[in-house]
PDB file of N, CA and C in Angstrom:
ATOM      1  N   MET A   1     221.927 100.536  81.738  1.00  0.00           N
ATOM      2  CA  MET A   1     221.287 100.778  80.455  1.00  0.00           C
ATOM      3  C   MET A   1     220.880  99.433  79.880  1.00  0.00           C
ATOM      4  N   SER A   2     219.622  99.318  79.503  1.00  0.00           N
ATOM      5  CA  SER A   2     219.168  98.055  78.955  1.00  0.00           C
ATOM      6  C   SER A   2     218.879  98.226  77.469  1.00  0.00           C
ATOM      7  N   TYR A   3     219.594  97.469  76.663  1.00  0.00           N
ATOM      8  CA  TYR A   3     219.406  97.519  75.217  1.00  0.00           C
ATOM      9  C   TYR A   3     218.486  96.380  74.822  1.00  0.00           C
ATOM     10  N   GLN A   4     217.508  96.676  73.998  1.00  0.00           N
ATOM     11  CA  GLN A   4     216.648  95.635  73.460  1.00  0.00           C
ATOM     12  C   GLN A   4     216.872  95.573  71.963  1.00  0.00           C
ATOM     13  N   HIS A   5     216.804  94.371  71.456  1.00  0.00           N
ATOM     14  CA  HIS A   5     217.058  94.146  70.048  1.00  0.00           C
ATOM     15  C   HIS A   5     216.040  94.895  69.187  1.00  0.00           C
ATOM     16  N   TYR A   6     216.490  95.394  68.057  1.00  0.00           N
ATOM     17  CA  TYR A   6     215.620  96.183  67.182  1.00  0.00           C
ATOM     18  C   TYR A   6     214.385  95.411  66.729  1.00  0.00           C
ATOM     19  N   GLN A   7     214.476  94.083  66.629  1.00  0.00           N
ATOM     20  CA  GLN A   7     213.322  93.302  66.187  1.00  0.00           C
ATOM     21  C   GLN A   7     212.178  93.372  67.196  1.00  0.00           C
ATOM     22  N   TYR A   8     212.488  93.606  68.456  1.00  0.00           N
ATOM     23  CA  TYR A   8     211.473  93.764  69.490  1.00  0.00           C
ATOM     24  C   TYR A   8     210.530  94.916  69.139  1.00  0.00           C
ATOM     25  N   TYR A   9     211.053  95.902  68.419  1.00  0.00           N
ATOM     26  CA  TYR A   9     210.269  97.083  68.038  1.00  0.00           C
ATOM     27  C   TYR A   9     209.572  96.905  66.688  1.00  0.00           C
ATOM     28  N   GLY A  10     209.709  95.731  66.103  1.00  0.00           N
ATOM     29  CA  GLY A  10     209.047  95.449  64.837  1.00  0.00           C
ATOM     30  C   GLY A  10     209.816  95.923  63.620  1.00  0.00           C
ATOM     31  N   ILE A  11     211.076  96.296  63.813  1.00  0.00           N
ATOM     32  CA  ILE A  11     211.896  96.757  62.690  1.00  0.00           C
ATOM     33  C   ILE A  11     212.291  95.545  61.848  1.00  0.00           C
ATOM     34  N   ASP A  12     212.032  95.635  60.565  1.00  0.00           N
ATOM     35  CA  ASP A  12     212.266  94.536  59.628  1.00  0.00           C
ATOM     36  C   ASP A  12     213.764  94.243  59.490  1.00  0.00           C
ATOM     37  N   PRO A  13     214.176  92.993  59.774  1.00  0.00           N
ATOM     38  CA  PRO A  13     215.595  92.640  59.605  1.00  0.00           C
ATOM     39  C   PRO A  13     216.095  92.859  58.178  1.00  0.00           C
ATOM     40  N   ALA A  14     215.232  92.709  57.188  1.00  0.00           N
ATOM     41  CA  ALA A  14     215.650  92.939  55.795  1.00  0.00           C
ATOM     42  C   ALA A  14     216.032  94.409  55.586  1.00  0.00           C
ATOM     43  N   LEU A  15     215.297  95.321  56.215  1.00  0.00           N
ATOM     44  CA  LEU A  15     215.621  96.749  56.143  1.00  0.00           C
ATOM     45  C   LEU A  15     216.986  96.997  56.774  1.00  0.00           C
ATOM     46  N   VAL A  16     217.212  96.403  57.932  1.00  0.00           N
ATOM     47  CA  VAL A  16     218.498  96.574  58.621  1.00  0.00           C
ATOM     48  C   VAL A  16     219.642  96.047  57.749  1.00  0.00           C
ATOM     49  N   GLU A  17     219.445  94.895  57.121  1.00  0.00           N
ATOM     50  CA  GLU A  17     220.487  94.331  56.259  1.00  0.00           C
ATOM     51  C   GLU A  17     220.758  95.226  55.047  1.00  0.00           C
ATOM     52  N   ARG A  18     219.708  95.795  54.457  1.00  0.00           N
ATOM     53  CA  ARG A  18     219.902  96.709  53.315  1.00  0.00           C
ATOM     54  C   ARG A  18     220.699  97.934  53.741  1.00  0.00           C
ATOM     55  N   VAL A  19     220.361  98.487  54.902  1.00  0.00           N
ATOM     56  CA  VAL A  19     221.059  99.679  55.397  1.00  0.00           C
ATOM     57  C   VAL A  19     222.523  99.341  55.695  1.00  0.00           C
ATOM     58  N   LYS A  20     222.764  98.193  56.336  1.00  0.00           N
ATOM     59  CA  LYS A  20     224.145  97.789  56.619  1.00  0.00           C
ATOM     60  C   LYS A  20     224.945  97.655  55.331  1.00  0.00           C
ATOM     61  N   PHE A  21     224.323  97.077  54.305  1.00  0.00           N
ATOM     62  CA  PHE A  21     225.003  96.925  53.018  1.00  0.00           C
ATOM     63  C   PHE A  21     225.323  98.287  52.410  1.00  0.00           C
ATOM     64  N   LYS A  22     224.352  99.189  52.450  1.00  0.00           N
ATOM     65  CA  LYS A  22     224.548 100.521  51.867  1.00  0.00           C
ATOM     66  C   LYS A  22     225.606 101.318  52.623  1.00  0.00           C
ATOM     67  N   LEU A  23     225.759 101.051  53.919  1.00  0.00           N
ATOM     68  CA  LEU A  23     226.786 101.754  54.710  1.00  0.00           C
ATOM     69  C   LEU A  23     228.203 101.334  54.314  1.00  0.00           C
ATOM     70  N   LYS A  24     228.332 100.246  53.565  1.00  0.00           N
ATOM     71  CA  LYS A  24     229.653  99.830  53.089  1.00  0.00           C
ATOM     72  C   LYS A  24     230.145 100.735  51.965  1.00  0.00           C
ATOM     73  N   ASN A  25     229.234 101.514  51.381  1.00  0.00           N
ATOM     74  CA  ASN A  25     229.604 102.476  50.356  1.00  0.00           C
ATOM     75  C   ASN A  25     230.200 103.699  51.069  1.00  0.00           C
ATOM     76  N   PRO A  26     231.479 104.015  50.812  1.00  0.00           N
ATOM     77  CA  PRO A  26     232.140 105.114  51.534  1.00  0.00           C
ATOM     78  C   PRO A  26     231.416 106.460  51.409  1.00  0.00           C
ATOM     79  N   GLN A  27     230.803 106.738  50.257  1.00  0.00           N
ATOM     80  CA  GLN A  27     230.104 108.019  50.090  1.00  0.00           C
ATOM     81  C   GLN A  27     228.859 108.081  50.968  1.00  0.00           C
ATOM     82  N   VAL A  28     228.127 106.982  51.022  1.00  0.00           N
ATOM     83  CA  VAL A  28     226.924 106.928  51.861  1.00  0.00           C
ATOM     84  C   VAL A  28     227.327 107.040  53.332  1.00  0.00           C
ATOM     85  N   LYS A  29     228.357 106.296  53.708  1.00  0.00           N
ATOM     86  CA  LYS A  29     228.826 106.317  55.096  1.00  0.00           C
ATOM     87  C   LYS A  29     229.248 107.733  55.502  1.00  0.00           C
ATOM     88  N   GLU A  30     229.936 108.425  54.624  1.00  0.00           N
ATOM     89  CA  GLU A  30     230.399 109.783  54.921  1.00  0.00           C
ATOM     90  C   GLU A  30     229.216 110.742  55.073  1.00  0.00           C
ATOM     91  N   ARG A  31     228.202 110.593  54.228  1.00  0.00           N
ATOM     92  CA  ARG A  31     227.013 111.455  54.331  1.00  0.00           C
ATOM     93  C   ARG A  31     226.276 111.216  55.648  1.00  0.00           C
ATOM     94  N   ILE A  32     226.198 109.960  56.081  1.00  0.00           N
ATOM     95  CA  ILE A  32     225.541 109.639  57.356  1.00  0.00           C
ATOM     96  C   ILE A  32     226.368 110.205  58.505  1.00  0.00           C
ATOM     97  N   LYS A  33     227.694 110.062  58.442  1.00  0.00           N
ATOM     98  CA  LYS A  33     228.556 110.629  59.491  1.00  0.00           C
ATOM     99  C   LYS A  33     228.370 112.130  59.588  1.00  0.00           C
ATOM    100  N   MET A  34     228.268 112.807  58.449  1.00  0.00           N
ATOM    101  CA  MET A  34     228.066 114.258  58.450  1.00  0.00           C
ATOM    102  C   MET A  34     226.705 114.607  59.046  1.00  0.00           C
ATOM    103  N   LEU A  35     225.685 113.812  58.731  1.00  0.00           N
ATOM    104  CA  LEU A  35     224.344 114.038  59.268  1.00  0.00           C
ATOM    105  C   LEU A  35     224.341 113.949  60.795  1.00  0.00           C
ATOM    106  N   LEU A  36     225.099 112.994  61.322  1.00  0.00           N
ATOM    107  CA  LEU A  36     225.082 112.744  62.768  1.00  0.00           C
ATOM    108  C   LEU A  36     226.139 113.524  63.542  1.00  0.00           C
ATOM    109  N   GLN A  37     226.990 114.231  62.841  1.00  0.00           N
ATOM    110  CA  GLN A  37     228.039 115.014  63.502  1.00  0.00           C
ATOM    111  C   GLN A  37     227.410 116.055  64.423  1.00  0.00           C
ATOM    112  N   GLY A  38     227.820 116.058  65.674  1.00  0.00           N
ATOM    113  CA  GLY A  38     227.325 117.044  66.626  1.00  0.00           C
ATOM    114  C   GLY A  38     226.010 116.674  67.295  1.00  0.00           C
ATOM    115  N   VAL A  39     225.451 115.507  66.967  1.00  0.00           N
ATOM    116  CA  VAL A  39     224.202 115.073  67.598  1.00  0.00           C
ATOM    117  C   VAL A  39     224.498 114.708  69.055  1.00  0.00           C
ATOM    118  N   THR A  40     223.641 115.164  69.964  1.00  0.00           N
ATOM    119  CA  THR A  40     223.846 114.937  71.396  1.00  0.00           C
ATOM    120  C   THR A  40     222.833 113.945  71.947  1.00  0.00           C
ATOM    121  N   LYS A  41     223.057 113.543  73.192  1.00  0.00           N
ATOM    122  CA  LYS A  41     222.113 112.660  73.871  1.00  0.00           C
ATOM    123  C   LYS A  41     220.737 113.319  73.942  1.00  0.00           C
ATOM    124  N   ALA A  42     220.711 114.610  74.226  1.00  0.00           N
ATOM    125  CA  ALA A  42     219.435 115.342  74.289  1.00  0.00           C
ATOM    126  C   ALA A  42     218.736 115.327  72.926  1.00  0.00           C
ATOM    127  N   ASP A  43     219.498 115.484  71.855  1.00  0.00           N
ATOM    128  CA  ASP A  43     218.922 115.428  70.507  1.00  0.00           C
ATOM    129  C   ASP A  43     218.260 114.077  70.261  1.00  0.00           C
ATOM    130  N   LEU A  44     218.916 113.009  70.748  1.00  0.00           N
ATOM    131  CA  LEU A  44     218.418 111.657  70.509  1.00  0.00           C
ATOM    132  C   LEU A  44     217.280 111.272  71.452  1.00  0.00           C
ATOM    133  N   GLN A  45     216.865 112.198  72.302  1.00  0.00           N
ATOM    134  CA  GLN A  45     215.677 111.995  73.136  1.00  0.00           C
ATOM    135  C   GLN A  45     214.556 112.949  72.724  1.00  0.00           C
ATOM    136  N   ASN A  46     214.797 113.728  71.672  1.00  0.00           N
ATOM    137  CA  ASN A  46     213.821 114.689  71.181  1.00  0.00           C
ATOM    138  C   ASN A  46     213.090 114.074  69.980  1.00  0.00           C
ATOM    139  N   ARG A  47     211.788 113.794  70.150  1.00  0.00           N
ATOM    140  CA  ARG A  47     211.006 113.107  69.112  1.00  0.00           C
ATOM    141  C   ARG A  47     211.082 113.809  67.759  1.00  0.00           C
ATOM    142  N   ALA A  48     210.941 115.118  67.753  1.00  0.00           N
ATOM    143  CA  ALA A  48     210.949 115.861  66.491  1.00  0.00           C
ATOM    144  C   ALA A  48     212.309 115.766  65.802  1.00  0.00           C
ATOM    145  N   LYS A  49     213.383 115.923  66.574  1.00  0.00           N
ATOM    146  CA  LYS A  49     214.730 115.861  65.987  1.00  0.00           C
ATOM    147  C   LYS A  49     215.037 114.467  65.470  1.00  0.00           C
ATOM    148  N   VAL A  50     214.660 113.439  66.239  1.00  0.00           N
ATOM    149  CA  VAL A  50     214.936 112.066  65.817  1.00  0.00           C
ATOM    150  C   VAL A  50     214.121 111.731  64.561  1.00  0.00           C
ATOM    151  N   THR A  51     212.876 112.160  64.525  1.00  0.00           N
ATOM    152  CA  THR A  51     212.043 111.913  63.346  1.00  0.00           C
ATOM    153  C   THR A  51     212.666 112.567  62.114  1.00  0.00           C
ATOM    154  N   ARG A  52     213.166 113.779  62.287  1.00  0.00           N
ATOM    155  CA  ARG A  52     213.829 114.479  61.178  1.00  0.00           C
ATOM    156  C   ARG A  52     215.087 113.724  60.738  1.00  0.00           C
ATOM    157  N   LEU A  53     215.898 113.276  61.702  1.00  0.00           N
ATOM    158  CA  LEU A  53     217.120 112.522  61.380  1.00  0.00           C
ATOM    159  C   LEU A  53     216.786 111.226  60.642  1.00  0.00           C
ATOM    160  N   ILE A  54     215.732 110.550  61.077  1.00  0.00           N
ATOM    161  CA  ILE A  54     215.322 109.306  60.416  1.00  0.00           C
ATOM    162  C   ILE A  54     214.956 109.591  58.956  1.00  0.00           C
ATOM    163  N   GLY A  55     214.196 110.648  58.738  1.00  0.00           N
ATOM    164  CA  GLY A  55     213.800 111.014  57.377  1.00  0.00           C
ATOM    165  C   GLY A  55     214.990 111.359  56.503  1.00  0.00           C
ATOM    166  N   LEU A  56     215.912 112.137  57.052  1.00  0.00           N
ATOM    167  CA  LEU A  56     217.106 112.517  56.289  1.00  0.00           C
ATOM    168  C   LEU A  56     217.979 111.293  55.990  1.00  0.00           C
ATOM    169  N   ALA A  57     218.139 110.422  56.988  1.00  0.00           N
ATOM    170  CA  ALA A  57     218.939 109.210  56.792  1.00  0.00           C
ATOM    171  C   ALA A  57     218.283 108.299  55.754  1.00  0.00           C
ATOM    172  N   ALA A  58     216.970 108.158  55.815  1.00  0.00           N
ATOM    173  CA  ALA A  58     216.256 107.324  54.839  1.00  0.00           C
ATOM    174  C   ALA A  58     216.507 107.853  53.427  1.00  0.00           C
ATOM    175  N   GLY A  59     216.528 109.169  53.277  1.00  0.00           N
ATOM    176  CA  GLY A  59     216.813 109.768  51.977  1.00  0.00           C
ATOM    177  C   GLY A  59     218.219 109.446  51.498  1.00  0.00           C
ATOM    178  N   ILE A  60     219.176 109.524  52.401  1.00  0.00           N
ATOM    179  CA  ILE A  60     220.568 109.205  52.057  1.00  0.00           C
ATOM    180  C   ILE A  60     220.670 107.733  51.631  1.00  0.00           C
ATOM    181  N   PHE A  61     219.959 106.865  52.339  1.00  0.00           N
ATOM    182  CA  PHE A  61     219.995 105.434  52.033  1.00  0.00           C
ATOM    183  C   PHE A  61     219.127 105.063  50.834  1.00  0.00           C
ATOM    184  N   GLY A  62     218.266 105.997  50.397  1.00  0.00           N
ATOM    185  CA  GLY A  62     217.360 105.688  49.303  1.00  0.00           C
ATOM    186  C   GLY A  62     216.261 104.730  49.724  1.00  0.00           C
ATOM    187  N   GLU A  63     215.883 104.772  50.990  1.00  0.00           N
ATOM    188  CA  GLU A  63     214.831 103.903  51.527  1.00  0.00           C
ATOM    189  C   GLU A  63     213.559 104.718  51.718  1.00  0.00           C
ATOM    190  N   LYS A  64     212.452 104.195  51.246  1.00  0.00           N
ATOM    191  CA  LYS A  64     211.151 104.818  51.467  1.00  0.00           C
ATOM    192  C   LYS A  64     210.539 104.155  52.696  1.00  0.00           C
ATOM    193  N   LEU A  65     210.420 104.906  53.788  1.00  0.00           N
ATOM    194  CA  LEU A  65     209.862 104.359  55.020  1.00  0.00           C
ATOM    195  C   LEU A  65     208.392 104.724  55.141  1.00  0.00           C
ATOM    196  N   THR A  66     207.607 103.780  55.611  1.00  0.00           N
ATOM    197  CA  THR A  66     206.211 104.079  55.908  1.00  0.00           C
ATOM    198  C   THR A  66     206.161 104.805  57.247  1.00  0.00           C
ATOM    199  N   GLY A  67     205.014 105.388  57.554  1.00  0.00           N
ATOM    200  CA  GLY A  67     204.845 106.041  58.849  1.00  0.00           C
ATOM    201  C   GLY A  67     205.062 105.059  59.990  1.00  0.00           C
ATOM    202  N   SER A  68     204.603 103.841  59.793  1.00  0.00           N
ATOM    203  CA  SER A  68     204.764 102.796  60.805  1.00  0.00           C
ATOM    204  C   SER A  68     206.244 102.459  61.016  1.00  0.00           C
ATOM    205  N   GLN A  69     206.992 102.322  59.921  1.00  0.00           N
ATOM    206  CA  GLN A  69     208.422 102.015  60.039  1.00  0.00           C
ATOM    207  C   GLN A  69     209.164 103.158  60.734  1.00  0.00           C
ATOM    208  N   THR A  70     208.841 104.378  60.367  1.00  0.00           N
ATOM    209  CA  THR A  70     209.477 105.536  60.997  1.00  0.00           C
ATOM    210  C   THR A  70     209.196 105.529  62.494  1.00  0.00           C
ATOM    211  N   ASN A  71     207.964 105.237  62.865  1.00  0.00           N
ATOM    212  CA  ASN A  71     207.602 105.218  64.277  1.00  0.00           C
ATOM    213  C   ASN A  71     208.317 104.097  65.021  1.00  0.00           C
ATOM    214  N   GLN A  72     208.465 102.933  64.406  1.00  0.00           N
ATOM    215  CA  GLN A  72     209.179 101.822  65.038  1.00  0.00           C
ATOM    216  C   GLN A  72     210.631 102.205  65.299  1.00  0.00           C
ATOM    217  N   ILE A  73     211.260 102.809  64.313  1.00  0.00           N
ATOM    218  CA  ILE A  73     212.659 103.231  64.456  1.00  0.00           C
ATOM    219  C   ILE A  73     212.766 104.325  65.508  1.00  0.00           C
ATOM    220  N   LEU A  74     211.822 105.267  65.502  1.00  0.00           N
ATOM    221  CA  LEU A  74     211.798 106.346  66.492  1.00  0.00           C
ATOM    222  C   LEU A  74     211.716 105.769  67.906  1.00  0.00           C
ATOM    223  N   GLU A  75     210.783 104.858  68.140  1.00  0.00           N
ATOM    224  CA  GLU A  75     210.622 104.268  69.474  1.00  0.00           C
ATOM    225  C   GLU A  75     211.874 103.502  69.888  1.00  0.00           C
ATOM    226  N   PHE A  76     212.495 102.811  68.947  1.00  0.00           N
ATOM    227  CA  PHE A  76     213.731 102.078  69.242  1.00  0.00           C
ATOM    228  C   PHE A  76     214.825 103.044  69.690  1.00  0.00           C
ATOM    229  N   ILE A  77     215.030 104.111  68.927  1.00  0.00           N
ATOM    230  CA  ILE A  77     216.097 105.069  69.240  1.00  0.00           C
ATOM    231  C   ILE A  77     215.843 105.731  70.596  1.00  0.00           C
ATOM    232  N   LEU A  78     214.613 106.177  70.834  1.00  0.00           N
ATOM    233  CA  LEU A  78     214.300 106.831  72.107  1.00  0.00           C
ATOM    234  C   LEU A  78     214.524 105.893  73.287  1.00  0.00           C
ATOM    235  N   SER A  79     214.132 104.632  73.132  1.00  0.00           N
ATOM    236  CA  SER A  79     214.232 103.687  74.253  1.00  0.00           C
ATOM    237  C   SER A  79     215.676 103.329  74.596  1.00  0.00           C
ATOM    238  N   GLN A  80     216.584 103.461  73.636  1.00  0.00           N
ATOM    239  CA  GLN A  80     217.984 103.100  73.888  1.00  0.00           C
ATOM    240  C   GLN A  80     218.714 104.128  74.746  1.00  0.00           C
ATOM    241  N   LYS A  81     218.182 105.343  74.823  1.00  0.00           N
ATOM    242  CA  LYS A  81     218.817 106.423  75.590  1.00  0.00           C
ATOM    243  C   LYS A  81     220.308 106.548  75.231  1.00  0.00           C
ATOM    244  N   ILE A  82     220.550 106.658  73.941  1.00  0.00           N
ATOM    245  CA  ILE A  82     221.912 106.673  73.402  1.00  0.00           C
ATOM    246  C   ILE A  82     222.614 107.981  73.751  1.00  0.00           C
ATOM    247  N   ASP A  83     223.827 107.837  74.241  1.00  0.00           N
ATOM    248  CA  ASP A  83     224.694 108.999  74.463  1.00  0.00           C
ATOM    249  C   ASP A  83     225.864 108.862  73.490  1.00  0.00           C
ATOM    250  N   PRO A  84     225.859 109.635  72.394  1.00  0.00           N
ATOM    251  CA  PRO A  84     226.916 109.492  71.388  1.00  0.00           C
ATOM    252  C   PRO A  84     228.318 109.798  71.907  1.00  0.00           C
ATOM    253  N   SER A  85     228.425 110.443  73.054  1.00  0.00           N
ATOM    254  CA  SER A  85     229.752 110.730  73.600  1.00  0.00           C
ATOM    255  C   SER A  85     230.225 109.615  74.533  1.00  0.00           C
ATOM    256  N   ASN A  86     229.398 108.593  74.750  1.00  0.00           N
ATOM    257  CA  ASN A  86     229.751 107.486  75.624  1.00  0.00           C
ATOM    258  C   ASN A  86     230.163 106.294  74.759  1.00  0.00           C
ATOM    259  N   THR A  87     231.440 105.969  74.782  1.00  0.00           N
ATOM    260  CA  THR A  87     231.967 104.886  73.950  1.00  0.00           C
ATOM    261  C   THR A  87     231.269 103.568  74.236  1.00  0.00           C
ATOM    262  N   PHE A  88     230.936 103.305  75.503  1.00  0.00           N
ATOM    263  CA  PHE A  88     230.258 102.060  75.864  1.00  0.00           C
ATOM    264  C   PHE A  88     228.915 101.952  75.147  1.00  0.00           C
ATOM    265  N   HIS A  89     228.166 103.039  75.079  1.00  0.00           N
ATOM    266  CA  HIS A  89     226.875 103.038  74.382  1.00  0.00           C
ATOM    267  C   HIS A  89     227.078 102.688  72.904  1.00  0.00           C
ATOM    268  N   LEU A  90     228.082 103.279  72.295  1.00  0.00           N
ATOM    269  CA  LEU A  90     228.326 103.059  70.872  1.00  0.00           C
ATOM    270  C   LEU A  90     228.761 101.620  70.599  1.00  0.00           C
ATOM    271  N   ILE A  91     229.570 101.060  71.491  1.00  0.00           N
ATOM    272  CA  ILE A  91     229.999  99.666  71.343  1.00  0.00           C
ATOM    273  C   ILE A  91     228.801  98.728  71.458  1.00  0.00           C
ATOM    274  N   LYS A  92     227.917  98.988  72.428  1.00  0.00           N
ATOM    275  CA  LYS A  92     226.719  98.158  72.597  1.00  0.00           C
ATOM    276  C   LYS A  92     225.845  98.217  71.343  1.00  0.00           C
ATOM    277  N   LEU A  93     225.659  99.410  70.791  1.00  0.00           N
ATOM    278  CA  LEU A  93     224.868  99.541  69.567  1.00  0.00           C
ATOM    279  C   LEU A  93     225.526  98.818  68.407  1.00  0.00           C
ATOM    280  N   TRP A  94     226.832  98.990  68.287  1.00  0.00           N
ATOM    281  CA  TRP A  94     227.578  98.351  67.207  1.00  0.00           C
ATOM    282  C   TRP A  94     227.391  96.837  67.267  1.00  0.00           C
ATOM    283  N   SER A  95     227.502  96.274  68.461  1.00  0.00           N
ATOM    284  CA  SER A  95     227.372  94.816  68.606  1.00  0.00           C
ATOM    285  C   SER A  95     225.955  94.346  68.269  1.00  0.00           C
ATOM    286  N   MET A  96     224.964  95.186  68.475  1.00  0.00           N
ATOM    287  CA  MET A  96     223.577  94.829  68.189  1.00  0.00           C
ATOM    288  C   MET A  96     223.352  94.662  66.679  1.00  0.00           C
ATOM    289  N   PHE A  97     224.113  95.391  65.877  1.00  0.00           N
ATOM    290  CA  PHE A  97     223.866  95.400  64.430  1.00  0.00           C
ATOM    291  C   PHE A  97     224.952  94.707  63.630  1.00  0.00           C
ATOM    292  N   ARG A  98     225.809  93.935  64.255  1.00  0.00           N
ATOM    293  CA  ARG A  98     226.885  93.236  63.535  1.00  0.00           C
ATOM    294  C   ARG A  98     226.354  92.137  62.679  1.00  0.00           C
TER     295      ARG A  98
END
């Protein structure tokens, strides 16, 4: 599995920093965990489902994403081939956003 840094996809580091900061709020973190509960690898390879998740997450974070930003995040997520049940995948993602 080859992970590429989110900046390669044109995702703004300032956006990532704002989201990381907002995730420190326990209520926001819990809402995101609930949103992602039960999400599968197949879900994270489905363009429509990922686009919907991005929109819902942006709402939870209070971030207004442009169509371009949504597409950049979508392409990043699809390319990572994330398997939420694989601890190694989650550790790699975690290290990317530390």
